[in-house]
């Protein structure tokens, strides 16, 4: 996407009751450690 644009990420879960899970998003850029989002 170009700068200024938008995206929507989705994450589908299975194997356990979803409502029992706290959820998070993290990201990792090249050459860097994973960070909280």
ModelCIF file with pLDDT and N, C-alpha, C, O atoms, coordinates in Angstrom:
data_MODEL
#
_entry.id   MODEL 
#
_entity.id                         1 
_entity.type                       polymer 
_entity.pdbx_number_of_molecules   1 
#
_entity_poly.entity_id                      1 
_entity_poly.type                           'polypeptide(L)' 
_entity_poly.nstd_linkage                   no 
_entity_poly.nstd_monomer                   no 
_entity_poly.pdbx_seq_one_letter_code       
;(UNK)(UNK)(UNK)(UNK)(UNK)(UNK)(UNK)(UNK)(UNK)(UNK)(UNK)(UNK)(UNK)(UNK)(UNK)(UNK)
(UNK)(UNK)(UNK)(UNK)(UNK)(UNK)(UNK)(UNK)(UNK)(UNK)(UNK)(UNK)(UNK)(UNK)(UNK)(UNK)
(UNK)(UNK)(UNK)(UNK)(UNK)
;
_entity_poly.pdbx_seq_one_letter_code_can   XXXXXXXXXXXXXXXXXXXXXXXXXXXXXXXXXXXXX 
_entity_poly.pdbx_strand_id                 A 
#
loop_
_entity_poly_seq.entity_id 
_entity_poly_seq.num 
_entity_poly_seq.mon_id 
_entity_poly_seq.hetero 
1 1  UNK n 
1 2  UNK n 
1 3  UNK n 
1 4  UNK n 
1 5  UNK n 
1 6  UNK n 
1 7  UNK n 
1 8  UNK n 
1 9  UNK n 
1 10 UNK n 
1 11 UNK n 
1 12 UNK n 
1 13 UNK n 
1 14 UNK n 
1 15 UNK n 
1 16 UNK n 
1 17 UNK n 
1 18 UNK n 
1 19 UNK n 
1 20 UNK n 
1 21 UNK n 
1 22 UNK n 
1 23 UNK n 
1 24 UNK n 
1 25 UNK n 
1 26 UNK n 
1 27 UNK n 
1 28 UNK n 
1 29 UNK n 
1 30 UNK n 
1 31 UNK n 
1 32 UNK n 
1 33 UNK n 
1 34 UNK n 
1 35 UNK n 
1 36 UNK n 
1 37 UNK n 
#
_struct_asym.id          A 
_struct_asym.entity_id   1 
#
loop_
_ma_qa_metric.id 
_ma_qa_metric.mode 
_ma_qa_metric.name 
_ma_qa_metric.software_group_id 
_ma_qa_metric.type 
1 global pLDDT . pLDDT 
2 local  pLDDT . pLDDT 
#
_ma_qa_metric_global.metric_id      1 
_ma_qa_metric_global.metric_value   94.68 
_ma_qa_metric_global.model_id       1 
_ma_qa_metric_global.ordinal_id     1 
#
loop_
_ma_qa_metric_local.label_asym_id 
_ma_qa_metric_local.label_comp_id 
_ma_qa_metric_local.label_seq_id 
_ma_qa_metric_local.metric_id 
_ma_qa_metric_local.metric_value 
_ma_qa_metric_local.model_id 
_ma_qa_metric_local.ordinal_id 
A UNK 1  2 98.00 1 1  
A UNK 2  2 98.00 1 2  
A UNK 3  2 98.00 1 3  
A UNK 4  2 98.00 1 4  
A UNK 5  2 98.00 1 5  
A UNK 6  2 98.00 1 6  
A UNK 7  2 98.00 1 7  
A UNK 8  2 98.00 1 8  
A UNK 9  2 98.00 1 9  
A UNK 10 2 98.00 1 10 
A UNK 11 2 97.00 1 11 
A UNK 12 2 96.00 1 12 
A UNK 13 2 95.00 1 13 
A UNK 14 2 92.00 1 14 
A UNK 15 2 84.00 1 15 
A UNK 16 2 78.00 1 16 
A UNK 17 2 84.00 1 17 
A UNK 18 2 87.00 1 18 
A UNK 19 2 87.00 1 19 
A UNK 20 2 88.00 1 20 
A UNK 21 2 92.00 1 21 
A UNK 22 2 94.00 1 22 
A UNK 23 2 96.00 1 23 
A UNK 24 2 97.00 1 24 
A UNK 25 2 98.00 1 25 
A UNK 26 2 98.00 1 26 
A UNK 27 2 98.00 1 27 
A UNK 28 2 98.00 1 28 
A UNK 29 2 97.00 1 29 
A UNK 30 2 92.00 1 30 
A UNK 31 2 94.00 1 31 
A UNK 32 2 96.00 1 32 
A UNK 33 2 96.00 1 33 
A UNK 34 2 97.00 1 34 
A UNK 35 2 97.00 1 35 
A UNK 36 2 97.00 1 36 
A UNK 37 2 98.00 1 37 
#
loop_
_atom_site.group_PDB 
_atom_site.id 
_atom_site.type_symbol 
_atom_site.label_atom_id 
_atom_site.label_alt_id 
_atom_site.label_comp_id 
_atom_site.label_asym_id 
_atom_site.label_entity_id 
_atom_site.label_seq_id 
_atom_site.pdbx_PDB_ins_code 
_atom_site.Cartn_x 
_atom_site.Cartn_y 
_atom_site.Cartn_z 
_atom_site.occupancy 
_atom_site.B_iso_or_equiv 
_atom_site.pdbx_formal_charge 
_atom_site.auth_seq_id 
_atom_site.auth_comp_id 
_atom_site.auth_asym_id 
_atom_site.auth_atom_id 
_atom_site.pdbx_PDB_model_num 
ATOM 1   N N  . UNK A 1 1  ? 0.846   -1.184  0.000  1.00 98.00 ? 1  UNK A N  1 
ATOM 2   C CA . UNK A 1 1  ? 0.000   0.000   0.000  1.00 98.00 ? 1  UNK A CA 1 
ATOM 3   C C  . UNK A 1 1  ? 0.885   1.240   0.000  1.00 98.00 ? 1  UNK A C  1 
ATOM 4   O O  . UNK A 1 1  ? 1.995   1.216   0.532  1.00 98.00 ? 1  UNK A O  1 
ATOM 5   N N  . UNK A 1 2  ? 0.398   2.311   -0.591 1.00 98.00 ? 2  UNK A N  1 
ATOM 6   C CA . UNK A 1 2  ? 1.135   3.564   -0.594 1.00 98.00 ? 2  UNK A CA 1 
ATOM 7   C C  . UNK A 1 2  ? 0.981   4.283   0.744  1.00 98.00 ? 2  UNK A C  1 
ATOM 8   O O  . UNK A 1 2  ? -0.004  4.098   1.459  1.00 98.00 ? 2  UNK A O  1 
ATOM 9   N N  . UNK A 1 3  ? 1.970   5.100   1.060  1.00 98.00 ? 3  UNK A N  1 
ATOM 10  C CA . UNK A 1 3  ? 1.897   5.899   2.276  1.00 98.00 ? 3  UNK A CA 1 
ATOM 11  C C  . UNK A 1 3  ? 0.604   6.703   2.307  1.00 98.00 ? 3  UNK A C  1 
ATOM 12  O O  . UNK A 1 3  ? 0.190   7.283   1.303  1.00 98.00 ? 3  UNK A O  1 
ATOM 13  N N  . UNK A 1 4  ? -0.024  6.726   3.475  1.00 98.00 ? 4  UNK A N  1 
ATOM 14  C CA . UNK A 1 4  ? -1.294  7.404   3.627  1.00 98.00 ? 4  UNK A CA 1 
ATOM 15  C C  . UNK A 1 4  ? -2.495  6.510   3.413  1.00 98.00 ? 4  UNK A C  1 
ATOM 16  O O  . UNK A 1 4  ? -3.623  6.896   3.719  1.00 98.00 ? 4  UNK A O  1 
ATOM 17  N N  . UNK A 1 5  ? -2.265  5.328   2.893  1.00 98.00 ? 5  UNK A N  1 
ATOM 18  C CA . UNK A 1 5  ? -3.340  4.393   2.631  1.00 98.00 ? 5  UNK A CA 1 
ATOM 19  C C  . UNK A 1 5  ? -3.723  3.580   3.848  1.00 98.00 ? 5  UNK A C  1 
ATOM 20  O O  . UNK A 1 5  ? -3.223  3.807   4.949  1.00 98.00 ? 5  UNK A O  1 
ATOM 21  N N  . UNK A 1 6  ? -4.621  2.625   3.635  1.00 98.00 ? 6  UNK A N  1 
ATOM 22  C CA . UNK A 1 6  ? -5.154  1.815   4.722  1.00 98.00 ? 6  UNK A CA 1 
ATOM 23  C C  . UNK A 1 6  ? -5.157  0.342   4.365  1.00 98.00 ? 6  UNK A C  1 
ATOM 24  O O  . UNK A 1 6  ? -5.245  -0.034  3.196  1.00 98.00 ? 6  UNK A O  1 
ATOM 25  N N  . UNK A 1 7  ? -5.058  -0.483  5.393  1.00 98.00 ? 7  UNK A N  1 
ATOM 26  C CA . UNK A 1 7  ? -5.204  -1.923  5.279  1.00 98.00 ? 7  UNK A CA 1 
ATOM 27  C C  . UNK A 1 7  ? -5.915  -2.428  6.515  1.00 98.00 ? 7  UNK A C  1 
ATOM 28  O O  . UNK A 1 7  ? -5.824  -1.823  7.583  1.00 98.00 ? 7  UNK A O  1 
ATOM 29  N N  . UNK A 1 8  ? -6.623  -3.534  6.374  1.00 98.00 ? 8  UNK A N  1 
ATOM 30  C CA . UNK A 1 8  ? -7.205  -4.196  7.520  1.00 98.00 ? 8  UNK A CA 1 
ATOM 31  C C  . UNK A 1 8  ? -6.704  -5.625  7.582  1.00 98.00 ? 8  UNK A C  1 
ATOM 32  O O  . UNK A 1 8  ? -6.930  -6.413  6.664  1.00 98.00 ? 8  UNK A O  1 
ATOM 33  N N  . UNK A 1 9  ? -6.027  -5.952  8.663  1.00 98.00 ? 9  UNK A N  1 
ATOM 34  C CA . UNK A 1 9  ? -5.542  -7.294  8.889  1.00 98.00 ? 9  UNK A CA 1 
ATOM 35  C C  . UNK A 1 9  ? -6.574  -8.084  9.684  1.00 98.00 ? 9  UNK A C  1 
ATOM 36  O O  . UNK A 1 9  ? -7.271  -7.535  10.537 1.00 98.00 ? 9  UNK A O  1 
ATOM 37  N N  . UNK A 1 10 ? -6.663  -9.367  9.396  1.00 98.00 ? 10 UNK A N  1 
ATOM 38  C CA . UNK A 1 10 ? -7.556  -10.252 10.117 1.00 98.00 ? 10 UNK A CA 1 
ATOM 39  C C  . UNK A 1 10 ? -6.767  -11.416 10.677 1.00 98.00 ? 10 UNK A C  1 
ATOM 40  O O  . UNK A 1 10 ? -5.761  -11.829 10.101 1.00 98.00 ? 10 UNK A O  1 
ATOM 41  N N  . UNK A 1 11 ? -7.222  -11.939 11.794 1.00 97.00 ? 11 UNK A N  1 
ATOM 42  C CA . UNK A 1 11 ? -6.606  -13.108 12.402 1.00 97.00 ? 11 UNK A CA 1 
ATOM 43  C C  . UNK A 1 11 ? -7.713  -14.034 12.865 1.00 97.00 ? 11 UNK A C  1 
ATOM 44  O O  . UNK A 1 11 ? -8.472  -13.699 13.774 1.00 97.00 ? 11 UNK A O  1 
ATOM 45  N N  . UNK A 1 12 ? -7.805  -15.192 12.244 1.00 96.00 ? 12 UNK A N  1 
ATOM 46  C CA . UNK A 1 12 ? -8.815  -16.175 12.589 1.00 96.00 ? 12 UNK A CA 1 
ATOM 47  C C  . UNK A 1 12 ? -8.232  -17.204 13.545 1.00 96.00 ? 12 UNK A C  1 
ATOM 48  O O  . UNK A 1 12 ? -7.143  -17.731 13.318 1.00 96.00 ? 12 UNK A O  1 
ATOM 49  N N  . UNK A 1 13 ? -8.962  -17.485 14.610 1.00 95.00 ? 13 UNK A N  1 
ATOM 50  C CA . UNK A 1 13 ? -8.499  -18.413 15.634 1.00 95.00 ? 13 UNK A CA 1 
ATOM 51  C C  . UNK A 1 13 ? -9.349  -19.673 15.649 1.00 95.00 ? 13 UNK A C  1 
ATOM 52  O O  . UNK A 1 13 ? -10.546 -19.637 15.364 1.00 95.00 ? 13 UNK A O  1 
ATOM 53  N N  . UNK A 1 14 ? -8.714  -20.780 15.985 1.00 92.00 ? 14 UNK A N  1 
ATOM 54  C CA . UNK A 1 14 ? -9.424  -22.037 16.136 1.00 92.00 ? 14 UNK A CA 1 
ATOM 55  C C  . UNK A 1 14 ? -8.724  -22.888 17.181 1.00 92.00 ? 14 UNK A C  1 
ATOM 56  O O  . UNK A 1 14 ? -7.571  -22.633 17.528 1.00 92.00 ? 14 UNK A O  1 
ATOM 57  N N  . UNK A 1 15 ? -9.419  -23.895 17.680 1.00 84.00 ? 15 UNK A N  1 
ATOM 58  C CA . UNK A 1 15 ? -8.829  -24.824 18.630 1.00 84.00 ? 15 UNK A CA 1 
ATOM 59  C C  . UNK A 1 15 ? -9.140  -24.556 20.091 1.00 84.00 ? 15 UNK A C  1 
ATOM 60  O O  . UNK A 1 15 ? -8.839  -25.385 20.950 1.00 84.00 ? 15 UNK A O  1 
ATOM 61  N N  . UNK A 1 16 ? -9.734  -23.417 20.381 1.00 78.00 ? 16 UNK A N  1 
ATOM 62  C CA . UNK A 1 16 ? -10.083 -23.052 21.739 1.00 78.00 ? 16 UNK A CA 1 
ATOM 63  C C  . UNK A 1 16 ? -11.162 -21.984 21.695 1.00 78.00 ? 16 UNK A C  1 
ATOM 64  O O  . UNK A 1 16 ? -11.284 -21.259 20.707 1.00 78.00 ? 16 UNK A O  1 
ATOM 65  N N  . UNK A 1 17 ? -11.933 -21.886 22.747 1.00 84.00 ? 17 UNK A N  1 
ATOM 66  C CA . UNK A 1 17 ? -12.960 -20.852 22.814 1.00 84.00 ? 17 UNK A CA 1 
ATOM 67  C C  . UNK A 1 17 ? -12.314 -19.479 22.684 1.00 84.00 ? 17 UNK A C  1 
ATOM 68  O O  . UNK A 1 17 ? -11.511 -19.075 23.525 1.00 84.00 ? 17 UNK A O  1 
ATOM 69  N N  . UNK A 1 18 ? -12.672 -18.772 21.628 1.00 87.00 ? 18 UNK A N  1 
ATOM 70  C CA . UNK A 1 18 ? -12.017 -17.516 21.313 1.00 87.00 ? 18 UNK A CA 1 
ATOM 71  C C  . UNK A 1 18 ? -12.196 -16.478 22.407 1.00 87.00 ? 18 UNK A C  1 
ATOM 72  O O  . UNK A 1 18 ? -11.277 -15.711 22.695 1.00 87.00 ? 18 UNK A O  1 
ATOM 73  N N  . UNK A 1 19 ? -13.361 -16.449 23.012 1.00 87.00 ? 19 UNK A N  1 
ATOM 74  C CA . UNK A 1 19 ? -13.647 -15.440 24.018 1.00 87.00 ? 19 UNK A CA 1 
ATOM 75  C C  . UNK A 1 19 ? -12.816 -15.603 25.279 1.00 87.00 ? 19 UNK A C  1 
ATOM 76  O O  . UNK A 1 19 ? -12.811 -14.707 26.124 1.00 87.00 ? 19 UNK A O  1 
ATOM 77  N N  . UNK A 1 20 ? -12.117 -16.714 25.433 1.00 88.00 ? 20 UNK A N  1 
ATOM 78  C CA . UNK A 1 20 ? -11.257 -16.928 26.590 1.00 88.00 ? 20 UNK A CA 1 
ATOM 79  C C  . UNK A 1 20 ? -9.854  -16.378 26.380 1.00 88.00 ? 20 UNK A C  1 
ATOM 80  O O  . UNK A 1 20 ? -9.021  -16.453 27.284 1.00 88.00 ? 20 UNK A O  1 
ATOM 81  N N  . UNK A 1 21 ? -9.579  -15.826 25.201 1.00 92.00 ? 21 UNK A N  1 
ATOM 82  C CA . UNK A 1 21 ? -8.241  -15.379 24.837 1.00 92.00 ? 21 UNK A CA 1 
ATOM 83  C C  . UNK A 1 21 ? -8.149  -13.868 24.739 1.00 92.00 ? 21 UNK A C  1 
ATOM 84  O O  . UNK A 1 21 ? -8.961  -13.227 24.073 1.00 92.00 ? 21 UNK A O  1 
ATOM 85  N N  . UNK A 1 22 ? -7.160  -13.307 25.404 1.00 94.00 ? 22 UNK A N  1 
ATOM 86  C CA . UNK A 1 22 ? -6.758  -11.947 25.095 1.00 94.00 ? 22 UNK A CA 1 
ATOM 87  C C  . UNK A 1 22 ? -5.928  -11.999 23.817 1.00 94.00 ? 22 UNK A C  1 
ATOM 88  O O  . UNK A 1 22 ? -5.183  -12.955 23.601 1.00 94.00 ? 22 UNK A O  1 
ATOM 89  N N  . UNK A 1 23 ? -6.049  -10.987 22.975 1.00 96.00 ? 23 UNK A N  1 
ATOM 90  C CA . UNK A 1 23 ? -5.394  -11.018 21.674 1.00 96.00 ? 23 UNK A CA 1 
ATOM 91  C C  . UNK A 1 23 ? -4.502  -9.803  21.487 1.00 96.00 ? 23 UNK A C  1 
ATOM 92  O O  . UNK A 1 23 ? -4.758  -8.730  22.034 1.00 96.00 ? 23 UNK A O  1 
ATOM 93  N N  . UNK A 1 24 ? -3.457  -9.993  20.709 1.00 97.00 ? 24 UNK A N  1 
ATOM 94  C CA . UNK A 1 24 ? -2.547  -8.901  20.432 1.00 97.00 ? 24 UNK A CA 1 
ATOM 95  C C  . UNK A 1 24 ? -2.001  -8.963  19.023 1.00 97.00 ? 24 UNK A C  1 
ATOM 96  O O  . UNK A 1 24 ? -2.031  -10.004 18.367 1.00 97.00 ? 24 UNK A O  1 
ATOM 97  N N  . UNK A 1 25 ? -1.505  -7.832  18.573 1.00 98.00 ? 25 UNK A N  1 
ATOM 98  C CA . UNK A 1 25 ? -0.786  -7.725  17.306 1.00 98.00 ? 25 UNK A CA 1 
ATOM 99  C C  . UNK A 1 25 ? 0.628   -7.238  17.580 1.00 98.00 ? 25 UNK A C  1 
ATOM 100 O O  . UNK A 1 25 ? 0.840   -6.319  18.371 1.00 98.00 ? 25 UNK A O  1 
ATOM 101 N N  . UNK A 1 26 ? 1.587   -7.861  16.922 1.00 98.00 ? 26 UNK A N  1 
ATOM 102 C CA . UNK A 1 26 ? 2.984   -7.485  16.998 1.00 98.00 ? 26 UNK A CA 1 
ATOM 103 C C  . UNK A 1 26 ? 3.534   -7.377  15.582 1.00 98.00 ? 26 UNK A C  1 
ATOM 104 O O  . UNK A 1 26 ? 2.928   -7.876  14.634 1.00 98.00 ? 26 UNK A O  1 
ATOM 105 N N  . UNK A 1 27 ? 4.675   -6.729  15.445 1.00 98.00 ? 27 UNK A N  1 
ATOM 106 C CA . UNK A 1 27 ? 5.277   -6.630  14.127 1.00 98.00 ? 27 UNK A CA 1 
ATOM 107 C C  . UNK A 1 27 ? 6.791   -6.701  14.230 1.00 98.00 ? 27 UNK A C  1 
ATOM 108 O O  . UNK A 1 27 ? 7.379   -6.375  15.261 1.00 98.00 ? 27 UNK A O  1 
ATOM 109 N N  . UNK A 1 28 ? 7.408   -7.133  13.138 1.00 98.00 ? 28 UNK A N  1 
ATOM 110 C CA . UNK A 1 28 ? 8.853   -7.234  13.082 1.00 98.00 ? 28 UNK A CA 1 
ATOM 111 C C  . UNK A 1 28 ? 9.341   -6.713  11.746 1.00 98.00 ? 28 UNK A C  1 
ATOM 112 O O  . UNK A 1 28 ? 9.035   -7.276  10.695 1.00 98.00 ? 28 UNK A O  1 
ATOM 113 N N  . UNK A 1 29 ? 10.101  -5.637  11.797 1.00 97.00 ? 29 UNK A N  1 
ATOM 114 C CA . UNK A 1 29 ? 10.692  -5.049  10.608 1.00 97.00 ? 29 UNK A CA 1 
ATOM 115 C C  . UNK A 1 29 ? 12.042  -5.703  10.337 1.00 97.00 ? 29 UNK A C  1 
ATOM 116 O O  . UNK A 1 29 ? 12.645  -6.269  11.249 1.00 97.00 ? 29 UNK A O  1 
ATOM 117 N N  . UNK A 1 30 ? 12.525  -5.635  9.098  1.00 92.00 ? 30 UNK A N  1 
ATOM 118 C CA . UNK A 1 30 ? 13.821  -6.236  8.775  1.00 92.00 ? 30 UNK A CA 1 
ATOM 119 C C  . UNK A 1 30 ? 14.937  -5.713  9.665  1.00 92.00 ? 30 UNK A C  1 
ATOM 120 O O  . UNK A 1 30 ? 15.091  -4.503  9.835  1.00 92.00 ? 30 UNK A O  1 
ATOM 121 N N  . UNK A 1 31 ? 15.710  -6.625  10.229 1.00 94.00 ? 31 UNK A N  1 
ATOM 122 C CA . UNK A 1 31 ? 16.832  -6.249  11.069 1.00 94.00 ? 31 UNK A CA 1 
ATOM 123 C C  . UNK A 1 31 ? 16.475  -5.784  12.457 1.00 94.00 ? 31 UNK A C  1 
ATOM 124 O O  . UNK A 1 31 ? 17.354  -5.357  13.206 1.00 94.00 ? 31 UNK A O  1 
ATOM 125 N N  . UNK A 1 32 ? 15.210  -5.854  12.824 1.00 96.00 ? 32 UNK A N  1 
ATOM 126 C CA . UNK A 1 32 ? 14.786  -5.400  14.138 1.00 96.00 ? 32 UNK A CA 1 
ATOM 127 C C  . UNK A 1 32 ? 14.030  -6.501  14.876 1.00 96.00 ? 32 UNK A C  1 
ATOM 128 O O  . UNK A 1 32 ? 13.557  -7.466  14.277 1.00 96.00 ? 32 UNK A O  1 
ATOM 129 N N  . UNK A 1 33 ? 13.932  -6.329  16.180 1.00 96.00 ? 33 UNK A N  1 
ATOM 130 C CA . UNK A 1 33 ? 13.202  -7.281  16.999 1.00 96.00 ? 33 UNK A CA 1 
ATOM 131 C C  . UNK A 1 33 ? 11.702  -7.038  16.901 1.00 96.00 ? 33 UNK A C  1 
ATOM 132 O O  . UNK A 1 33 ? 11.252  -5.947  16.552 1.00 96.00 ? 33 UNK A O  1 
ATOM 133 N N  . UNK A 1 34 ? 10.952  -8.061  17.211 1.00 97.00 ? 34 UNK A N  1 
ATOM 134 C CA . UNK A 1 34 ? 9.505   -7.955  17.201 1.00 97.00 ? 34 UNK A CA 1 
ATOM 135 C C  . UNK A 1 34 ? 9.046   -6.979  18.278 1.00 97.00 ? 34 UNK A C  1 
ATOM 136 O O  . UNK A 1 34 ? 9.577   -6.976  19.389 1.00 97.00 ? 34 UNK A O  1 
ATOM 137 N N  . UNK A 1 35 ? 8.061   -6.153  17.948 1.00 97.00 ? 35 UNK A N  1 
ATOM 138 C CA . UNK A 1 35 ? 7.579   -5.154  18.879 1.00 97.00 ? 35 UNK A CA 1 
ATOM 139 C C  . UNK A 1 35 ? 6.059   -5.183  18.987 1.00 97.00 ? 35 UNK A C  1 
ATOM 140 O O  . UNK A 1 35 ? 5.354   -5.612  18.074 1.00 97.00 ? 35 UNK A O  1 
ATOM 141 N N  . UNK A 1 36 ? 5.588   -4.717  20.119 1.00 97.00 ? 36 UNK A N  1 
ATOM 142 C CA . UNK A 1 36 ? 4.162   -4.653  20.380 1.00 97.00 ? 36 UNK A CA 1 
ATOM 143 C C  . UNK A 1 36 ? 3.498   -3.593  19.523 1.00 97.00 ? 36 UNK A C  1 
ATOM 144 O O  . UNK A 1 36 ? 4.064   -2.525  19.289 1.00 97.00 ? 36 UNK A O  1 
ATOM 145 N N  . UNK A 1 37 ? 2.294   -3.893  19.055 1.00 98.00 ? 37 UNK A N  1 
ATOM 146 C CA . UNK A 1 37 ? 1.516   -2.951  18.268 1.00 98.00 ? 37 UNK A CA 1 
ATOM 147 C C  . UNK A 1 37 ? 0.198   -2.605  18.968 1.00 98.00 ? 37 UNK A C  1 
ATOM 148 O O  . UNK A 1 37 ? -0.591  -1.818  18.445 1.00 98.00 ? 37 UNK A O  1 
#
